[in-house]
Amino acid sequence: MAHRASTHPYASVRFISKVLDPDDVTRTIWLRPDHVNHKAGLWSFSSEGCVNVPELNEHLNWLLRLLEFRKEAVATLLAQGVRAELLCYSRGSTVRKPSLSREIRRRAAALGIAIGIDHSQQ
């Protein structure tokens, strides 16, 4: 597998529900969000500015370590009907999205969290 670095990659974990109070997520998961939208029921926490490497897998690894430490809290939110996703952002010299390691995908799946990638060509 070829190694392709992106420029300015980052990833966010998002918890979403129409009935979600983002403040409840903060109290449950014990992380301070980067962004909340009370009307949309959205809570988000990002690796941007916290992980300073051009490999998207490292951003996901950092977020997954935080979430794995809080796996019971994540499970509680999911059991309440909250949807969780890891949303990745990257730019690169190709239209091809960066590849994610099987281990990253396995760890996210074990937590019940989907992964999406929003990639744009420079």
C-alpha atoms as a PDB file:
ATOM      1  CA  MET A   1       0.000   0.000   0.000  1.00  0.00           C
ATOM      2  CA  ALA A   2       1.474   3.322  -1.053  1.00  0.00           C
ATOM      3  CA  HIS A   3       1.832   6.016   1.577  1.00  0.00           C
ATOM      4  CA  ARG A   4       0.059   9.208   0.579  1.00  0.00           C
ATOM      5  CA  ALA A   5       0.225  12.220   2.859  1.00  0.00           C
ATOM      6  CA  SER A   6      -2.441  14.870   2.782  1.00  0.00           C
ATOM      7  CA  THR A   7      -1.974  18.516   3.560  1.00  0.00           C
ATOM      8  CA  HIS A   8      -3.849  19.850   6.566  1.00  0.00           C
ATOM      9  CA  PRO A   9      -5.784  16.688   7.419  1.00  0.00           C
ATOM     10  CA  TYR A  10      -7.882  16.473  10.536  1.00  0.00           C
ATOM     11  CA  ALA A  11     -10.739  14.420  11.881  1.00  0.00           C
ATOM     12  CA  SER A  12     -13.742  15.099  14.081  1.00  0.00           C
ATOM     13  CA  VAL A  13     -15.919  12.837  16.150  1.00  0.00           C
ATOM     14  CA  ARG A  14     -19.541  13.902  15.920  1.00  0.00           C
ATOM     15  CA  PHE A  15     -22.525  12.828  17.987  1.00  0.00           C
ATOM     16  CA  ILE A  16     -25.847  13.618  16.317  1.00  0.00           C
ATOM     17  CA  SER A  17     -29.507  13.211  17.273  1.00  0.00           C
ATOM     18  CA  LYS A  18     -32.622  15.307  16.746  1.00  0.00           C
ATOM     19  CA  VAL A  19     -33.343  15.042  20.468  1.00  0.00           C
ATOM     20  CA  LEU A  20     -29.726  15.420  21.588  1.00  0.00           C
ATOM     21  CA  ASP A  21     -28.751  18.050  24.106  1.00  0.00           C
ATOM     22  CA  PRO A  22     -25.059  18.648  23.316  1.00  0.00           C
ATOM     23  CA  ASP A  23     -24.471  19.535  26.963  1.00  0.00           C
ATOM     24  CA  ASP A  24     -25.500  15.968  27.879  1.00  0.00           C
ATOM     25  CA  VAL A  25     -22.778  14.631  25.561  1.00  0.00           C
ATOM     26  CA  THR A  26     -20.197  16.834  27.265  1.00  0.00           C
ATOM     27  CA  ARG A  27     -21.277  15.564  30.689  1.00  0.00           C
ATOM     28  CA  THR A  28     -21.351  11.936  29.517  1.00  0.00           C
ATOM     29  CA  ILE A  29     -18.094  11.813  27.578  1.00  0.00           C
ATOM     30  CA  TRP A  30     -16.041  14.329  29.583  1.00  0.00           C
ATOM     31  CA  LEU A  31     -14.579  16.137  26.587  1.00  0.00           C
ATOM     32  CA  ARG A  32     -15.098  19.797  25.782  1.00  0.00           C
ATOM     33  CA  PRO A  33     -16.499  20.125  22.241  1.00  0.00           C
ATOM     34  CA  ASP A  34     -15.095  22.354  19.504  1.00  0.00           C
ATOM     35  CA  HIS A  35     -18.578  22.905  18.115  1.00  0.00           C
ATOM     36  CA  VAL A  36     -22.164  22.375  19.200  1.00  0.00           C
ATOM     37  CA  ASN A  37     -25.428  23.102  17.458  1.00  0.00           C
ATOM     38  CA  HIS A  38     -28.362  22.864  19.840  1.00  0.00           C
ATOM     39  CA  LYS A  39     -30.987  23.191  17.081  1.00  0.00           C
ATOM     40  CA  ALA A  40     -29.450  20.396  14.981  1.00  0.00           C
ATOM     41  CA  GLY A  41     -28.522  18.210  17.972  1.00  0.00           C
ATOM     42  CA  LEU A  42     -24.826  18.157  17.047  1.00  0.00           C
ATOM     43  CA  TRP A  43     -21.755  17.804  19.277  1.00  0.00           C
ATOM     44  CA  SER A  44     -18.277  17.767  17.676  1.00  0.00           C
ATOM     45  CA  PHE A  45     -14.666  17.399  18.842  1.00  0.00           C
ATOM     46  CA  SER A  46     -11.752  17.722  16.411  1.00  0.00           C
ATOM     47  CA  SER A  47      -8.078  16.819  16.103  1.00  0.00           C
ATOM     48  CA  GLU A  48      -7.438  20.095  14.285  1.00  0.00           C
ATOM     49  CA  GLY A  49      -4.734  22.013  16.132  1.00  0.00           C
ATOM     50  CA  CYS A  50      -4.075  19.071  18.470  1.00  0.00           C
ATOM     51  CA  VAL A  51      -2.356  16.642  16.087  1.00  0.00           C
ATOM     52  CA  ASN A  52       0.283  18.251  13.893  1.00  0.00           C
ATOM     53  CA  VAL A  53       1.186  15.538  11.392  1.00  0.00           C
ATOM     54  CA  PRO A  54       0.067  15.168   7.746  1.00  0.00           C
ATOM     55  CA  GLU A  55      -1.160  11.556   8.117  1.00  0.00           C
ATOM     56  CA  LEU A  56      -4.911  11.227   8.541  1.00  0.00           C
ATOM     57  CA  ASN A  57      -4.496   7.864  10.301  1.00  0.00           C
ATOM     58  CA  GLU A  58      -2.627   9.641  13.127  1.00  0.00           C
ATOM     59  CA  HIS A  59      -5.503  12.073  13.617  1.00  0.00           C
ATOM     60  CA  LEU A  60      -7.940   9.161  13.789  1.00  0.00           C
ATOM     61  CA  ASN A  61      -5.629   7.220  16.105  1.00  0.00           C
ATOM     62  CA  TRP A  62      -5.549  10.175  18.517  1.00  0.00           C
ATOM     63  CA  LEU A  63      -9.349  10.522  18.538  1.00  0.00           C
ATOM     64  CA  LEU A  64      -9.877   6.764  18.863  1.00  0.00           C
ATOM     65  CA  ARG A  65      -7.556   6.593  21.890  1.00  0.00           C
ATOM     66  CA  LEU A  66      -9.670   9.280  23.579  1.00  0.00           C
ATOM     67  CA  LEU A  67     -12.898   7.478  22.685  1.00  0.00           C
ATOM     68  CA  GLU A  68     -11.653   4.002  23.641  1.00  0.00           C
ATOM     69  CA  PHE A  69     -10.792   5.354  27.079  1.00  0.00           C
ATOM     70  CA  ARG A  70     -14.452   6.475  27.243  1.00  0.00           C
ATOM     71  CA  LYS A  71     -16.001   3.443  25.525  1.00  0.00           C
ATOM     72  CA  GLU A  72     -18.715   2.984  28.171  1.00  0.00           C
ATOM     73  CA  ALA A  73     -19.791   6.606  27.717  1.00  0.00           C
ATOM     74  CA  VAL A  74     -19.839   6.159  23.930  1.00  0.00           C
ATOM     75  CA  ALA A  75     -21.944   3.007  24.332  1.00  0.00           C
ATOM     76  CA  THR A  76     -24.366   4.899  26.604  1.00  0.00           C
ATOM     77  CA  LEU A  77     -24.877   7.595  23.972  1.00  0.00           C
ATOM     78  CA  LEU A  78     -25.361   5.056  21.180  1.00  0.00           C
ATOM     79  CA  ALA A  79     -27.879   3.126  23.301  1.00  0.00           C
ATOM     80  CA  GLN A  80     -29.887   6.356  23.590  1.00  0.00           C
ATOM     81  CA  GLY A  81     -30.203   6.514  19.794  1.00  0.00           C
ATOM     82  CA  VAL A  82     -27.406   9.007  19.235  1.00  0.00           C
ATOM     83  CA  ARG A  83     -25.499   8.500  15.970  1.00  0.00           C
ATOM     84  CA  ALA A  84     -21.701   8.717  16.101  1.00  0.00           C
ATOM     85  CA  GLU A  85     -19.310   9.305  13.230  1.00  0.00           C
ATOM     86  CA  LEU A  86     -15.702  10.124  12.618  1.00  0.00           C
ATOM     87  CA  LEU A  87     -15.584  12.649   9.807  1.00  0.00           C
ATOM     88  CA  CYS A  88     -12.201  13.108   8.147  1.00  0.00           C
ATOM     89  CA  TYR A  89     -11.088  16.104   6.124  1.00  0.00           C
ATOM     90  CA  SER A  90      -8.105  16.202   3.790  1.00  0.00           C
ATOM     91  CA  ARG A  91      -6.637  17.882   0.752  1.00  0.00           C
ATOM     92  CA  GLY A  92      -4.081  16.299  -1.525  1.00  0.00           C
ATOM     93  CA  SER A  93      -2.466  16.298  -4.921  1.00  0.00           C
ATOM     94  CA  THR A  94      -4.771  13.523  -6.151  1.00  0.00           C
ATOM     95  CA  VAL A  95      -8.539  13.084  -6.292  1.00  0.00           C
ATOM     96  CA  ARG A  96      -8.125   9.755  -4.470  1.00  0.00           C
ATOM     97  CA  LYS A  97      -9.144   9.805  -0.851  1.00  0.00           C
ATOM     98  CA  PRO A  98      -6.457   8.890   1.672  1.00  0.00           C
ATOM     99  CA  SER A  99      -6.493   5.256   2.679  1.00  0.00           C
ATOM    100  CA  LEU A 100      -7.277   4.309   6.255  1.00  0.00           C
ATOM    101  CA  SER A 101      -5.603   1.402   7.982  1.00  0.00           C
ATOM    102  CA  ARG A 102      -7.591  -1.742   8.733  1.00  0.00           C
ATOM    103  CA  GLU A 103      -6.736  -1.275  12.401  1.00  0.00           C
ATOM    104  CA  ILE A 104      -8.293   2.210  12.444  1.00  0.00           C
ATOM    105  CA  ARG A 105     -11.431   0.849  10.750  1.00  0.00           C
ATOM    106  CA  ARG A 106     -11.585  -2.097  13.185  1.00  0.00           C
ATOM    107  CA  ARG A 107     -11.251   0.137  16.245  1.00  0.00           C
ATOM    108  CA  ALA A 108     -13.954   2.541  15.042  1.00  0.00           C
ATOM    109  CA  ALA A 109     -16.298  -0.363  14.249  1.00  0.00           C
ATOM    110  CA  ALA A 110     -15.703  -1.839  17.715  1.00  0.00           C
ATOM    111  CA  LEU A 111     -16.972   1.436  19.183  1.00  0.00           C
ATOM    112  CA  GLY A 112     -19.951   1.519  16.799  1.00  0.00           C
ATOM    113  CA  ILE A 113     -18.678   4.608  15.007  1.00  0.00           C
ATOM    114  CA  ALA A 114     -18.854   5.066  11.218  1.00  0.00           C
ATOM    115  CA  ILE A 115     -16.045   6.800   9.299  1.00  0.00           C
ATOM    116  CA  GLY A 116     -16.511   9.227   6.415  1.00  0.00           C
ATOM    117  CA  ILE A 117     -13.901  11.099   4.400  1.00  0.00           C
ATOM    118  CA  ASP A 118     -14.339  14.526   2.809  1.00  0.00           C
ATOM    119  CA  HIS A 119     -11.341  14.902   0.472  1.00  0.00           C
ATOM    120  CA  SER A 120     -10.580  17.587  -2.072  1.00  0.00           C
ATOM    121  CA  GLN A 121      -7.807  17.903  -4.624  1.00  0.00           C
ATOM    122  CA  GLN A 122      -5.458  20.878  -4.230  1.00  0.00           C
END
